[in-house]
Amino acid sequence: MAVVGAGPAGLTVAYYLALEGIKVDIFEELPVNGGEVAVGVPEYRMPISKYQKDIDLVLGMEAVSITNNCRVDAEKLRELDRRLWMASIFLGFLETRLFLKKGSRKPKKWRNPHNIGGWDYLGEA
């Protein structure tokens, strides 16, 4: 299973999949883990030291590996498509996409109508 993004959503899915014994490869574009919370939220709102404990817990799991400084572009997605049976992309605050393969080499893009991106949520709130 590939997870693109080491923010709260990506780390959460990696944690629960690893608990089930599923090997998870996380690909993060930034040199740090934690997504927008780690780089964009002021320290007085979310102390990174507390958040870092959760990050360390997930990344310390045997079934979880991470590659930082790795931008997932179209070519990388094609590579993941050839290698893995499922990839989940967490674009953090914006939205989430899930790519499933069903017996073919070409991924089927699926968007759950019940999922809502952060910007849309704030717009409705």
PDB file of N, CA and C in Angstrom:
ATOM      1  N   MET A   1       0.851  -1.169   0.000  1.00  0.00           N
ATOM      2  CA  MET A   1       0.000   0.000   0.000  1.00  0.00           C
ATOM      3  C   MET A   1       0.888   1.221   0.000  1.00  0.00           C
ATOM      4  N   ALA A   2       0.596   2.148  -0.854  1.00  0.00           N
ATOM      5  CA  ALA A   2       1.334   3.405  -0.887  1.00  0.00           C
ATOM      6  C   ALA A   2       0.442   4.512  -0.356  1.00  0.00           C
ATOM      7  N   VAL A   3       1.011   5.337   0.487  1.00  0.00           N
ATOM      8  CA  VAL A   3       0.330   6.517   1.003  1.00  0.00           C
ATOM      9  C   VAL A   3       1.166   7.717   0.602  1.00  0.00           C
ATOM     10  N   VAL A   4       0.541   8.656  -0.080  1.00  0.00           N
ATOM     11  CA  VAL A   4       1.238   9.861  -0.504  1.00  0.00           C
ATOM     12  C   VAL A   4       0.846  10.975   0.448  1.00  0.00           C
ATOM     13  N   GLY A   5       1.807  11.414   1.235  1.00  0.00           N
ATOM     14  CA  GLY A   5       1.575  12.482   2.201  1.00  0.00           C
ATOM     15  C   GLY A   5       1.702  11.977   3.625  1.00  0.00           C
ATOM     16  N   ALA A   6       2.565  12.619   4.395  1.00  0.00           N
ATOM     17  CA  ALA A   6       2.791  12.239   5.791  1.00  0.00           C
ATOM     18  C   ALA A   6       2.162  13.245   6.733  1.00  0.00           C
ATOM     19  N   GLY A   7       0.998  13.759   6.349  1.00  0.00           N
ATOM     20  CA  GLY A   7       0.236  14.629   7.225  1.00  0.00           C
ATOM     21  C   GLY A   7      -0.653  13.783   8.127  1.00  0.00           C
ATOM     22  N   PRO A   8      -1.552  14.417   8.867  1.00  0.00           N
ATOM     23  CA  PRO A   8      -2.408  13.670   9.784  1.00  0.00           C
ATOM     24  C   PRO A   8      -3.205  12.547   9.115  1.00  0.00           C
ATOM     25  N   ALA A   9      -3.764  12.800   7.932  1.00  0.00           N
ATOM     26  CA  ALA A   9      -4.557  11.776   7.250  1.00  0.00           C
ATOM     27  C   ALA A   9      -3.685  10.606   6.799  1.00  0.00           C
ATOM     28  N   GLY A  10      -2.553  10.903   6.174  1.00  0.00           N
ATOM     29  CA  GLY A  10      -1.661   9.848   5.710  1.00  0.00           C
ATOM     30  C   GLY A  10      -1.092   9.024   6.846  1.00  0.00           C
ATOM     31  N   LEU A  11      -0.692   9.684   7.923  1.00  0.00           N
ATOM     32  CA  LEU A  11      -0.160   8.961   9.082  1.00  0.00           C
ATOM     33  C   LEU A  11      -1.233   8.107   9.748  1.00  0.00           C
ATOM     34  N   THR A  12      -2.454   8.597   9.768  1.00  0.00           N
ATOM     35  CA  THR A  12      -3.544   7.832  10.377  1.00  0.00           C
ATOM     36  C   THR A  12      -3.833   6.561   9.597  1.00  0.00           C
ATOM     37  N   VAL A  13      -3.935   6.677   8.274  1.00  0.00           N
ATOM     38  CA  VAL A  13      -4.209   5.471   7.489  1.00  0.00           C
ATOM     39  C   VAL A  13      -3.040   4.500   7.577  1.00  0.00           C
ATOM     40  N   ALA A  14      -1.819   5.014   7.610  1.00  0.00           N
ATOM     41  CA  ALA A  14      -0.649   4.138   7.748  1.00  0.00           C
ATOM     42  C   ALA A  14      -0.695   3.398   9.080  1.00  0.00           C
ATOM     43  N   TYR A  15      -1.075   4.091  10.138  1.00  0.00           N
ATOM     44  CA  TYR A  15      -1.154   3.487  11.470  1.00  0.00           C
ATOM     45  C   TYR A  15      -2.149   2.318  11.486  1.00  0.00           C
ATOM     46  N   TYR A  16      -3.350   2.560  11.006  1.00  0.00           N
ATOM     47  CA  TYR A  16      -4.375   1.514  11.067  1.00  0.00           C
ATOM     48  C   TYR A  16      -4.099   0.357  10.116  1.00  0.00           C
ATOM     49  N   LEU A  17      -3.511   0.626   8.965  1.00  0.00           N
ATOM     50  CA  LEU A  17      -3.139  -0.467   8.067  1.00  0.00           C
ATOM     51  C   LEU A  17      -2.013  -1.296   8.675  1.00  0.00           C
ATOM     52  N   ALA A  18      -1.060  -0.630   9.293  1.00  0.00           N
ATOM     53  CA  ALA A  18       0.058  -1.348   9.926  1.00  0.00           C
ATOM     54  C   ALA A  18      -0.432  -2.217  11.076  1.00  0.00           C
ATOM     55  N   LEU A  19      -1.430  -1.746  11.817  1.00  0.00           N
ATOM     56  CA  LEU A  19      -2.009  -2.575  12.887  1.00  0.00           C
ATOM     57  C   LEU A  19      -2.594  -3.870  12.338  1.00  0.00           C
ATOM     58  N   GLU A  20      -3.077  -3.819  11.093  1.00  0.00           N
ATOM     59  CA  GLU A  20      -3.637  -5.008  10.438  1.00  0.00           C
ATOM     60  C   GLU A  20      -2.558  -5.849   9.758  1.00  0.00           C
ATOM     61  N   GLY A  21      -1.308  -5.415   9.870  1.00  0.00           N
ATOM     62  CA  GLY A  21      -0.207  -6.174   9.292  1.00  0.00           C
ATOM     63  C   GLY A  21       0.068  -5.866   7.832  1.00  0.00           C
ATOM     64  N   ILE A  22      -0.509  -4.805   7.321  1.00  0.00           N
ATOM     65  CA  ILE A  22      -0.309  -4.423   5.923  1.00  0.00           C
ATOM     66  C   ILE A  22       0.896  -3.495   5.831  1.00  0.00           C
ATOM     67  N   LYS A  23       1.827  -3.823   4.929  1.00  0.00           N
ATOM     68  CA  LYS A  23       3.022  -2.997   4.741  1.00  0.00           C
ATOM     69  C   LYS A  23       2.620  -1.704   4.040  1.00  0.00           C
ATOM     70  N   VAL A  24       3.091  -0.591   4.598  1.00  0.00           N
ATOM     71  CA  VAL A  24       2.738   0.732   4.078  1.00  0.00           C
ATOM     72  C   VAL A  24       4.011   1.501   3.742  1.00  0.00           C
ATOM     73  N   ASP A  25       4.073   2.028   2.527  1.00  0.00           N
ATOM     74  CA  ASP A  25       5.156   2.902   2.100  1.00  0.00           C
ATOM     75  C   ASP A  25       4.593   4.317   1.989  1.00  0.00           C
ATOM     76  N   ILE A  26       5.117   5.246   2.802  1.00  0.00           N
ATOM     77  CA  ILE A  26       4.676   6.640   2.770  1.00  0.00           C
ATOM     78  C   ILE A  26       5.671   7.442   1.937  1.00  0.00           C
ATOM     79  N   PHE A  27       5.149   8.283   1.052  1.00  0.00           N
ATOM     80  CA  PHE A  27       5.968   9.163   0.230  1.00  0.00           C
ATOM     81  C   PHE A  27       5.602  10.600   0.585  1.00  0.00           C
ATOM     82  N   GLU A  28       6.576  11.363   1.081  1.00  0.00           N
ATOM     83  CA  GLU A  28       6.347  12.738   1.530  1.00  0.00           C
ATOM     84  C   GLU A  28       7.251  13.685   0.755  1.00  0.00           C
ATOM     85  N   GLU A  29       6.655  14.736   0.221  1.00  0.00           N
ATOM     86  CA  GLU A  29       7.410  15.713  -0.565  1.00  0.00           C
ATOM     87  C   GLU A  29       8.334  16.568   0.311  1.00  0.00           C
ATOM     88  N   LEU A  30       7.913  16.859   1.522  1.00  0.00           N
ATOM     89  CA  LEU A  30       8.698  17.726   2.402  1.00  0.00           C
ATOM     90  C   LEU A  30       9.810  16.952   3.112  1.00  0.00           C
ATOM     91  N   PRO A  31      10.812  17.656   3.613  1.00  0.00           N
ATOM     92  CA  PRO A  31      11.867  16.986   4.374  1.00  0.00           C
ATOM     93  C   PRO A  31      11.431  16.648   5.805  1.00  0.00           C
ATOM     94  N   VAL A  32      10.272  17.172   6.223  1.00  0.00           N
ATOM     95  CA  VAL A  32       9.740  16.888   7.564  1.00  0.00           C
ATOM     96  C   VAL A  32       8.409  16.162   7.434  1.00  0.00           C
ATOM     97  N   ASN A  33       8.028  15.470   8.489  1.00  0.00           N
ATOM     98  CA  ASN A  33       6.760  14.744   8.495  1.00  0.00           C
ATOM     99  C   ASN A  33       5.740  15.518   9.319  1.00  0.00           C
ATOM    100  N   GLY A  34       4.484  15.346   8.988  1.00  0.00           N
ATOM    101  CA  GLY A  34       3.436  15.993   9.754  1.00  0.00           C
ATOM    102  C   GLY A  34       2.527  16.898   8.947  1.00  0.00           C
ATOM    103  N   GLY A  35       2.857  17.127   7.694  1.00  0.00           N
ATOM    104  CA  GLY A  35       1.991  17.925   6.836  1.00  0.00           C
ATOM    105  C   GLY A  35       1.870  19.372   7.279  1.00  0.00           C
ATOM    106  N   GLU A  36       0.725  19.954   7.010  1.00  0.00           N
ATOM    107  CA  GLU A  36       0.480  21.360   7.307  1.00  0.00           C
ATOM    108  C   GLU A  36       0.566  21.647   8.799  1.00  0.00           C
ATOM    109  N   VAL A  37       0.223  20.679   9.633  1.00  0.00           N
ATOM    110  CA  VAL A  37       0.306  20.871  11.079  1.00  0.00           C
ATOM    111  C   VAL A  37       1.749  21.141  11.493  1.00  0.00           C
ATOM    112  N   ALA A  38       2.683  20.438  10.881  1.00  0.00           N
ATOM    113  CA  ALA A  38       4.094  20.582  11.252  1.00  0.00           C
ATOM    114  C   ALA A  38       4.729  21.855  10.707  1.00  0.00           C
ATOM    115  N   VAL A  39       4.274  22.320   9.558  1.00  0.00           N
ATOM    116  CA  VAL A  39       4.948  23.460   8.933  1.00  0.00           C
ATOM    117  C   VAL A  39       4.122  24.739   8.889  1.00  0.00           C
ATOM    118  N   GLY A  40       2.823  24.646   9.110  1.00  0.00           N
ATOM    119  CA  GLY A  40       1.989  25.826   8.939  1.00  0.00           C
ATOM    120  C   GLY A  40       1.182  26.255  10.148  1.00  0.00           C
ATOM    121  N   VAL A  41       1.078  25.406  11.147  1.00  0.00           N
ATOM    122  CA  VAL A  41       0.290  25.749  12.331  1.00  0.00           C
ATOM    123  C   VAL A  41       1.217  26.346  13.379  1.00  0.00           C
ATOM    124  N   PRO A  42       0.860  27.489  13.929  1.00  0.00           N
ATOM    125  CA  PRO A  42       1.727  28.113  14.947  1.00  0.00           C
ATOM    126  C   PRO A  42       1.944  27.198  16.153  1.00  0.00           C
ATOM    127  N   GLU A  43       3.128  27.290  16.733  1.00  0.00           N
ATOM    128  CA  GLU A  43       3.520  26.451  17.874  1.00  0.00           C
ATOM    129  C   GLU A  43       2.556  26.601  19.050  1.00  0.00           C
ATOM    130  N   TYR A  44       2.022  27.799  19.277  1.00  0.00           N
ATOM    131  CA  TYR A  44       1.121  27.989  20.419  1.00  0.00           C
ATOM    132  C   TYR A  44      -0.223  27.285  20.215  1.00  0.00           C
ATOM    133  N   ARG A  45      -0.589  26.985  18.962  1.00  0.00           N
ATOM    134  CA  ARG A  45      -1.838  26.262  18.697  1.00  0.00           C
ATOM    135  C   ARG A  45      -1.653  24.750  18.752  1.00  0.00           C
ATOM    136  N   MET A  46      -0.536  24.280  18.232  1.00  0.00           N
ATOM    137  CA  MET A  46      -0.246  22.839  18.223  1.00  0.00           C
ATOM    138  C   MET A  46       1.235  22.655  18.459  1.00  0.00           C
ATOM    139  N   PRO A  47       1.623  22.413  19.715  1.00  0.00           N
ATOM    140  CA  PRO A  47       3.051  22.205  20.005  1.00  0.00           C
ATOM    141  C   PRO A  47       3.585  21.006  19.223  1.00  0.00           C
ATOM    142  N   ILE A  48       4.567  21.245  18.383  1.00  0.00           N
ATOM    143  CA  ILE A  48       5.095  20.189  17.524  1.00  0.00           C
ATOM    144  C   ILE A  48       5.687  19.054  18.334  1.00  0.00           C
ATOM    145  N   SER A  49       6.168  19.333  19.529  1.00  0.00           N
ATOM    146  CA  SER A  49       6.729  18.249  20.352  1.00  0.00           C
ATOM    147  C   SER A  49       5.666  17.205  20.704  1.00  0.00           C
ATOM    148  N   LYS A  50       4.446  17.640  20.937  1.00  0.00           N
ATOM    149  CA  LYS A  50       3.358  16.691  21.224  1.00  0.00           C
ATOM    150  C   LYS A  50       2.966  15.922  19.966  1.00  0.00           C
ATOM    151  N   TYR A  51       2.891  16.625  18.856  1.00  0.00           N
ATOM    152  CA  TYR A  51       2.549  16.002  17.584  1.00  0.00           C
ATOM    153  C   TYR A  51       3.649  15.034  17.147  1.00  0.00           C
ATOM    154  N   GLN A  52       4.889  15.378  17.437  1.00  0.00           N
ATOM    155  CA  GLN A  52       6.027  14.540  17.047  1.00  0.00           C
ATOM    156  C   GLN A  52       5.955  13.160  17.687  1.00  0.00           C
ATOM    157  N   LYS A  53       5.392  13.063  18.887  1.00  0.00           N
ATOM    158  CA  LYS A  53       5.232  11.755  19.545  1.00  0.00           C
ATOM    159  C   LYS A  53       4.345  10.839  18.705  1.00  0.00           C
ATOM    160  N   ASP A  54       3.258  11.394  18.166  1.00  0.00           N
ATOM    161  CA  ASP A  54       2.370  10.601  17.307  1.00  0.00           C
ATOM    162  C   ASP A  54       3.074  10.203  16.009  1.00  0.00           C
ATOM    163  N   ILE A  55       3.808  11.144  15.440  1.00  0.00           N
ATOM    164  CA  ILE A  55       4.547  10.856  14.200  1.00  0.00           C
ATOM    165  C   ILE A  55       5.556   9.735  14.452  1.00  0.00           C
ATOM    166  N   ASP A  56       6.308   9.834  15.545  1.00  0.00           N
ATOM    167  CA  ASP A  56       7.318   8.825  15.871  1.00  0.00           C
ATOM    168  C   ASP A  56       6.682   7.459  16.111  1.00  0.00           C
ATOM    169  N   LEU A  57       5.504   7.439  16.735  1.00  0.00           N
ATOM    170  CA  LEU A  57       4.805   6.171  16.982  1.00  0.00           C
ATOM    171  C   LEU A  57       4.502   5.461  15.668  1.00  0.00           C
ATOM    172  N   VAL A  58       3.936   6.211  14.720  1.00  0.00           N
ATOM    173  CA  VAL A  58       3.579   5.609  13.427  1.00  0.00           C
ATOM    174  C   VAL A  58       4.819   5.174  12.664  1.00  0.00           C
ATOM    175  N   LEU A  59       5.813   6.048  12.582  1.00  0.00           N
ATOM    176  CA  LEU A  59       7.001   5.729  11.794  1.00  0.00           C
ATOM    177  C   LEU A  59       7.861   4.657  12.452  1.00  0.00           C
ATOM    178  N   GLY A  60       7.638   4.410  13.731  1.00  0.00           N
ATOM    179  CA  GLY A  60       8.370   3.358  14.432  1.00  0.00           C
ATOM    180  C   GLY A  60       7.758   1.977  14.261  1.00  0.00           C
ATOM    181  N   MET A  61       6.607   1.907  13.621  1.00  0.00           N
ATOM    182  CA  MET A  61       5.951   0.613  13.404  1.00  0.00           C
ATOM    183  C   MET A  61       6.717  -0.173  12.345  1.00  0.00           C
ATOM    184  N   GLU A  62       6.831  -1.461  12.563  1.00  0.00           N
ATOM    185  CA  GLU A  62       7.610  -2.316  11.668  1.00  0.00           C
ATOM    186  C   GLU A  62       7.092  -2.311  10.235  1.00  0.00           C
ATOM    187  N   ALA A  63       5.782  -2.201  10.051  1.00  0.00           N
ATOM    188  CA  ALA A  63       5.188  -2.280   8.712  1.00  0.00           C
ATOM    189  C   ALA A  63       5.209  -0.951   7.954  1.00  0.00           C
ATOM    190  N   VAL A  64       5.687   0.115   8.591  1.00  0.00           N
ATOM    191  CA  VAL A  64       5.654   1.448   7.969  1.00  0.00           C
ATOM    192  C   VAL A  64       7.050   1.897   7.581  1.00  0.00           C
ATOM    193  N   SER A  65       7.181   2.355   6.338  1.00  0.00           N
ATOM    194  CA  SER A  65       8.427   2.979   5.900  1.00  0.00           C
ATOM    195  C   SER A  65       8.070   4.309   5.242  1.00  0.00           C
ATOM    196  N   ILE A  66       9.025   5.234   5.257  1.00  0.00           N
ATOM    197  CA  ILE A  66       8.767   6.556   4.689  1.00  0.00           C
ATOM    198  C   ILE A  66       9.932   7.004   3.823  1.00  0.00           C
ATOM    199  N   THR A  67       9.590   7.709   2.762  1.00  0.00           N
ATOM    200  CA  THR A  67      10.577   8.331   1.893  1.00  0.00           C
ATOM    201  C   THR A  67      10.261   9.816   1.855  1.00  0.00           C
ATOM    202  N   ASN A  68      11.151  10.629   2.417  1.00  0.00           N
ATOM    203  CA  ASN A  68      10.968  12.079   2.406  1.00  0.00           C
ATOM    204  C   ASN A  68      11.618  12.680   1.172  1.00  0.00           C
ATOM    205  N   ASN A  69      11.328  13.946   0.905  1.00  0.00           N
ATOM    206  CA  ASN A  69      11.857  14.657  -0.264  1.00  0.00           C
ATOM    207  C   ASN A  69      11.537  13.909  -1.550  1.00  0.00           C
ATOM    208  N   CYS A  70      10.339  13.352  -1.606  1.00  0.00           N
ATOM    209  CA  CYS A  70       9.933  12.553  -2.764  1.00  0.00           C
ATOM    210  C   CYS A  70       8.626  13.109  -3.322  1.00  0.00           C
ATOM    211  N   ARG A  71       8.740  13.858  -4.386  1.00  0.00           N
ATOM    212  CA  ARG A  71       7.541  14.405  -5.038  1.00  0.00           C
ATOM    213  C   ARG A  71       6.903  13.304  -5.878  1.00  0.00           C
ATOM    214  N   VAL A  72       5.636  13.067  -5.673  1.00  0.00           N
ATOM    215  CA  VAL A  72       4.929  12.045  -6.438  1.00  0.00           C
ATOM    216  C   VAL A  72       4.263  12.718  -7.632  1.00  0.00           C
ATOM    217  N   ASP A  73       4.896  12.542  -8.781  1.00  0.00           N
ATOM    218  CA  ASP A  73       4.379  13.101 -10.019  1.00  0.00           C
ATOM    219  C   ASP A  73       3.742  11.978 -10.845  1.00  0.00           C
ATOM    220  N   ALA A  74       3.391  12.269 -12.079  1.00  0.00           N
ATOM    221  CA  ALA A  74       2.715  11.277 -12.920  1.00  0.00           C
ATOM    222  C   ALA A  74       3.578  10.028 -13.116  1.00  0.00           C
ATOM    223  N   GLU A  75       4.872  10.220 -13.313  1.00  0.00           N
ATOM    224  CA  GLU A  75       5.763   9.068 -13.517  1.00  0.00           C
ATOM    225  C   GLU A  75       5.836   8.199 -12.263  1.00  0.00           C
ATOM    226  N   LYS A  76       5.912   8.829 -11.102  1.00  0.00           N
ATOM    227  CA  LYS A  76       5.952   8.077  -9.845  1.00  0.00           C
ATOM    228  C   LYS A  76       4.640   7.327  -9.634  1.00  0.00           C
ATOM    229  N   LEU A  77       3.510   7.935  -9.996  1.00  0.00           N
ATOM    230  CA  LEU A  77       2.224   7.241  -9.879  1.00  0.00           C
ATOM    231  C   LEU A  77       2.179   6.018 -10.792  1.00  0.00           C
ATOM    232  N   ARG A  78       2.731   6.157 -11.995  1.00  0.00           N
ATOM    233  CA  ARG A  78       2.775   5.000 -12.902  1.00  0.00           C
ATOM    234  C   ARG A  78       3.634   3.887 -12.305  1.00  0.00           C
ATOM    235  N   GLU A  79       4.749   4.259 -11.681  1.00  0.00           N
ATOM    236  CA  GLU A  79       5.610   3.266 -11.029  1.00  0.00           C
ATOM    237  C   GLU A  79       4.864   2.569  -9.894  1.00  0.00           C
ATOM    238  N   LEU A  80       4.164   3.330  -9.090  1.00  0.00           N
ATOM    239  CA  LEU A  80       3.388   2.741  -7.993  1.00  0.00           C
ATOM    240  C   LEU A  80       2.286   1.840  -8.533  1.00  0.00           C
ATOM    241  N   ASP A  81       1.678   2.243  -9.635  1.00  0.00           N
ATOM    242  CA  ASP A  81       0.634   1.439 -10.263  1.00  0.00           C
ATOM    243  C   ASP A  81       1.174   0.079 -10.699  1.00  0.00           C
ATOM    244  N   ARG A  82       2.393   0.052 -11.199  1.00  0.00           N
ATOM    245  CA  ARG A  82       2.994  -1.207 -11.635  1.00  0.00           C
ATOM    246  C   ARG A  82       3.371  -2.088 -10.446  1.00  0.00           C
ATOM    247  N   ARG A  83       3.746  -1.457  -9.331  1.00  0.00           N
ATOM    248  CA  ARG A  83       4.289  -2.169  -8.188  1.00  0.00           C
ATOM    249  C   ARG A  83       3.272  -2.598  -7.132  1.00  0.00           C
ATOM    250  N   LEU A  84       2.249  -1.792  -6.930  1.00  0.00           N
ATOM    251  CA  LEU A  84       1.361  -1.993  -5.792  1.00  0.00           C
ATOM    252  C   LEU A  84      -0.078  -2.238  -6.210  1.00  0.00           C
ATOM    253  N   TRP A  85      -0.855  -2.774  -5.287  1.00  0.00           N
ATOM    254  CA  TRP A  85      -2.261  -3.053  -5.584  1.00  0.00           C
ATOM    255  C   TRP A  85      -3.170  -1.887  -5.217  1.00  0.00           C
ATOM    256  N   MET A  86      -2.664  -0.934  -4.419  1.00  0.00           N
ATOM    257  CA  MET A  86      -3.508   0.171  -4.010  1.00  0.00           C
ATOM    258  C   MET A  86      -2.645   1.357  -3.606  1.00  0.00           C
ATOM    259  N   ALA A  87      -3.102   2.545  -3.929  1.00  0.00           N
ATOM    260  CA  ALA A  87      -2.422   3.758  -3.489  1.00  0.00           C
ATOM    261  C   ALA A  87      -3.464   4.750  -2.998  1.00  0.00           C
ATOM    262  N   SER A  88      -3.182   5.386  -1.910  1.00  0.00           N
ATOM    263  CA  SER A  88      -4.075   6.403  -1.369  1.00  0.00           C
ATOM    264  C   SER A  88      -3.307   7.711  -1.310  1.00  0.00           C
ATOM    265  N   ILE A  89      -3.912   8.765  -1.796  1.00  0.00           N
ATOM    266  CA  ILE A  89      -3.239  10.050  -1.867  1.00  0.00           C
ATOM    267  C   ILE A  89      -3.945  11.026  -0.937  1.00  0.00           C
ATOM    268  N   PHE A  90      -3.193  11.556   0.009  1.00  0.00           N
ATOM    269  CA  PHE A  90      -3.747  12.509   0.956  1.00  0.00           C
ATOM    270  C   PHE A  90      -3.151  13.872   0.678  1.00  0.00           C
ATOM    271  N   LEU A  91      -3.968  14.745   0.113  1.00  0.00           N
ATOM    272  CA  LEU A  91      -3.504  16.070  -0.230  1.00  0.00           C
ATOM    273  C   LEU A  91      -3.769  17.024   0.918  1.00  0.00           C
ATOM    274  N   GLY A  92      -3.751  16.471   2.090  1.00  0.00           N
ATOM    275  CA  GLY A  92      -3.887  17.263   3.300  1.00  0.00           C
ATOM    276  C   GLY A  92      -5.188  18.011   3.372  1.00  0.00           C
ATOM    277  N   PHE A  93      -5.056  19.298   3.537  1.00  0.00           N
ATOM    278  CA  PHE A  93      -6.190  20.158   3.788  1.00  0.00           C
ATOM    279  C   PHE A  93      -7.143  20.233   2.601  1.00  0.00           C
ATOM    280  N   LEU A  94      -6.678  19.924   1.422  1.00  0.00           N
ATOM    281  CA  LEU A  94      -7.484  20.137   0.224  1.00  0.00           C
ATOM    282  C   LEU A  94      -8.470  19.014  -0.046  1.00  0.00           C
ATOM    283  N   GLU A  95      -8.001  17.803  -0.241  1.00  0.00           N
ATOM    284  CA  GLU A  95      -8.884  16.681  -0.520  1.00  0.00           C
ATOM    285  C   GLU A  95      -8.104  15.383  -0.515  1.00  0.00           C
ATOM    286  N   THR A  96      -8.827  14.286  -0.602  1.00  0.00           N
ATOM    287  CA  THR A  96      -8.215  12.969  -0.623  1.00  0.00           C
ATOM    288  C   THR A  96      -8.672  12.229  -1.867  1.00  0.00           C
ATOM    289  N   ARG A  97      -7.773  11.524  -2.497  1.00  0.00           N
ATOM    290  CA  ARG A  97      -8.096  10.694  -3.661  1.00  0.00           C
ATOM    291  C   ARG A  97      -7.640   9.271  -3.370  1.00  0.00           C
ATOM    292  N   LEU A  98      -8.385   8.318  -3.861  1.00  0.00           N
ATOM    293  CA  LEU A  98      -8.048   6.915  -3.679  1.00  0.00           C
ATOM    294  C   LEU A  98      -8.012   6.268  -5.049  1.00  0.00           C
ATOM    295  N   PHE A  99      -6.935   5.576  -5.354  1.00  0.00           N
ATOM    296  CA  PHE A  99      -6.800   4.889  -6.625  1.00  0.00           C
ATOM    297  C   PHE A  99      -6.805   3.386  -6.352  1.00  0.00           C
ATOM    298  N   LEU A 100      -7.783   2.694  -6.923  1.00  0.00           N
ATOM    299  CA  LEU A 100      -7.887   1.251  -6.749  1.00  0.00           C
ATOM    300  C   LEU A 100      -7.661   0.575  -8.090  1.00  0.00           C
ATOM    301  N   LYS A 101      -7.077  -0.588  -8.050  1.00  0.00           N
ATOM    302  CA  LYS A 101      -6.929  -1.379  -9.252  1.00  0.00           C
ATOM    303  C   LYS A 101      -7.828  -2.586  -9.129  1.00  0.00           C
ATOM    304  N   LYS A 102      -8.580  -2.856 -10.176  1.00  0.00           N
ATOM    305  CA  LYS A 102      -9.488  -3.992 -10.144  1.00  0.00           C
ATOM    306  C   LYS A 102      -9.188  -4.900 -11.342  1.00  0.00           C
ATOM    307  N   GLY A 103      -8.199  -5.743 -11.183  1.00  0.00           N
ATOM    308  CA  GLY A 103      -7.883  -6.713 -12.222  1.00  0.00           C
ATOM    309  C   GLY A 103      -7.255  -6.140 -13.478  1.00  0.00           C
ATOM    310  N   SER A 104      -6.904  -4.875 -13.476  1.00  0.00           N
ATOM    311  CA  SER A 104      -6.284  -4.306 -14.670  1.00  0.00           C
ATOM    312  C   SER A 104      -5.048  -3.507 -14.272  1.00  0.00           C
ATOM    313  N   ARG A 105      -4.273  -3.113 -15.263  1.00  0.00           N
ATOM    314  CA  ARG A 105      -3.059  -2.340 -15.016  1.00  0.00           C
ATOM    315  C   ARG A 105      -3.388  -0.854 -14.842  1.00  0.00           C
ATOM    316  N   LYS A 106      -4.588  -0.444 -15.204  1.00  0.00           N
ATOM    317  CA  LYS A 106      -4.936   0.970 -15.155  1.00  0.00           C
ATOM    318  C   LYS A 106      -5.751   1.257 -13.888  1.00  0.00           C
ATOM    319  N   PRO A 107      -5.326   2.224 -13.069  1.00  0.00           N
ATOM    320  CA  PRO A 107      -6.074   2.513 -11.841  1.00  0.00           C
ATOM    321  C   PRO A 107      -7.404   3.184 -12.133  1.00  0.00           C
ATOM    322  N   LYS A 108      -8.359   2.896 -11.298  1.00  0.00           N
ATOM    323  CA  LYS A 108      -9.671   3.527 -11.401  1.00  0.00           C
ATOM    324  C   LYS A 108      -9.742   4.619 -10.336  1.00  0.00           C
ATOM    325  N   LYS A 109      -9.982   5.834 -10.774  1.00  0.00           N
ATOM    326  CA  LYS A 109     -10.050   6.939  -9.816  1.00  0.00           C
ATOM    327  C   LYS A 109     -11.416   6.901  -9.127  1.00  0.00           C
ATOM    328  N   TRP A 110     -11.376   6.978  -7.808  1.00  0.00           N
ATOM    329  CA  TRP A 110     -12.598   6.912  -7.030  1.00  0.00           C
ATOM    330  C   TRP A 110     -12.637   8.056  -6.051  1.00  0.00           C
ATOM    331  N   ARG A 111     -13.751   8.738  -6.005  1.00  0.00           N
ATOM    332  CA  ARG A 111     -13.919   9.816  -5.031  1.00  0.00           C
ATOM    333  C   ARG A 111     -15.205   9.552  -4.273  1.00  0.00           C
ATOM    334  N   ASN A 112     -15.079   9.405  -2.987  1.00  0.00           N
ATOM    335  CA  ASN A 112     -16.229   9.166  -2.134  1.00  0.00           C
ATOM    336  C   ASN A 112     -17.011  10.472  -2.006  1.00  0.00           C
ATOM    337  N   PRO A 113     -18.297  10.486  -2.394  1.00  0.00           N
ATOM    338  CA  PRO A 113     -19.062  11.729  -2.309  1.00  0.00           C
ATOM    339  C   PRO A 113     -19.264  12.212  -0.874  1.00  0.00           C
ATOM    340  N   HIS A 114     -18.998  11.347   0.099  1.00  0.00           N
ATOM    341  CA  HIS A 114     -19.148  11.731   1.499  1.00  0.00           C
ATOM    342  C   HIS A 114     -17.881  12.359   2.064  1.00  0.00           C
ATOM    343  N   ASN A 115     -16.767  12.253   1.345  1.00  0.00           N
ATOM    344  CA  ASN A 115     -15.532  12.927   1.763  1.00  0.00           C
ATOM    345  C   ASN A 115     -15.601  14.381   1.347  1.00  0.00           C
ATOM    346  N   ILE A 116     -15.062  15.238   2.159  1.00  0.00           N
ATOM    347  CA  ILE A 116     -15.068  16.663   1.841  1.00  0.00           C
ATOM    348  C   ILE A 116     -13.698  17.237   2.176  1.00  0.00           C
ATOM    349  N   GLY A 117     -13.198  18.075   1.305  1.00  0.00           N
ATOM    350  CA  GLY A 117     -11.906  18.702   1.543  1.00  0.00           C
ATOM    351  C   GLY A 117     -12.002  19.790   2.598  1.00  0.00           C
ATOM    352  N   GLY A 118     -10.863  20.161   3.153  1.00  0.00           N
ATOM    353  CA  GLY A 118     -10.820  21.155   4.217  1.00  0.00           C
ATOM    354  C   GLY A 118     -11.362  22.510   3.801  1.00  0.00           C
ATOM    355  N   TRP A 119     -11.007  22.965   2.587  1.00  0.00           N
ATOM    356  CA  TRP A 119     -11.496  24.273   2.133  1.00  0.00           C
ATOM    357  C   TRP A 119     -13.008  24.262   2.001  1.00  0.00           C
ATOM    358  N   ASP A 120     -13.557  23.182   1.426  1.00  0.00           N
ATOM    359  CA  ASP A 120     -15.008  23.078   1.272  1.00  0.00           C
ATOM    360  C   ASP A 120     -15.698  23.057   2.625  1.00  0.00           C
ATOM    361  N   TYR A 121     -15.110  22.321   3.558  1.00  0.00           N
ATOM    362  CA  TYR A 121     -15.681  22.230   4.902  1.00  0.00           C
ATOM    363  C   TYR A 121     -15.748  23.607   5.562  1.00  0.00           C
ATOM    364  N   LEU A 122     -14.650  24.350   5.479  1.00  0.00           N
ATOM    365  CA  LEU A 122     -14.618  25.680   6.080  1.00  0.00           C
ATOM    366  C   LEU A 122     -15.617  26.620   5.386  1.00  0.00           C
ATOM    367  N   GLY A 123     -15.770  26.446   4.085  1.00  0.00           N
ATOM    368  CA  GLY A 123     -16.726  27.273   3.338  1.00  0.00           C
ATOM    369  C   GLY A 123     -18.161  27.023   3.766  1.00  0.00           C
ATOM    370  N   GLU A 124     -18.454  25.777   4.145  1.00  0.00           N
ATOM    371  CA  GLU A 124     -19.811  25.438   4.580  1.00  0.00           C
ATOM    372  C   GLU A 124     -20.050  25.753   6.044  1.00  0.00           C
ATOM    373  N   ALA A 125     -18.957  25.859   6.825  1.00  0.00           N
ATOM    374  CA  ALA A 125     -19.101  26.039   8.277  1.00  0.00           C
ATOM    375  C   ALA A 125     -19.549  27.409   8.666  1.00  0.00           C
TER     376      ALA A 125
END
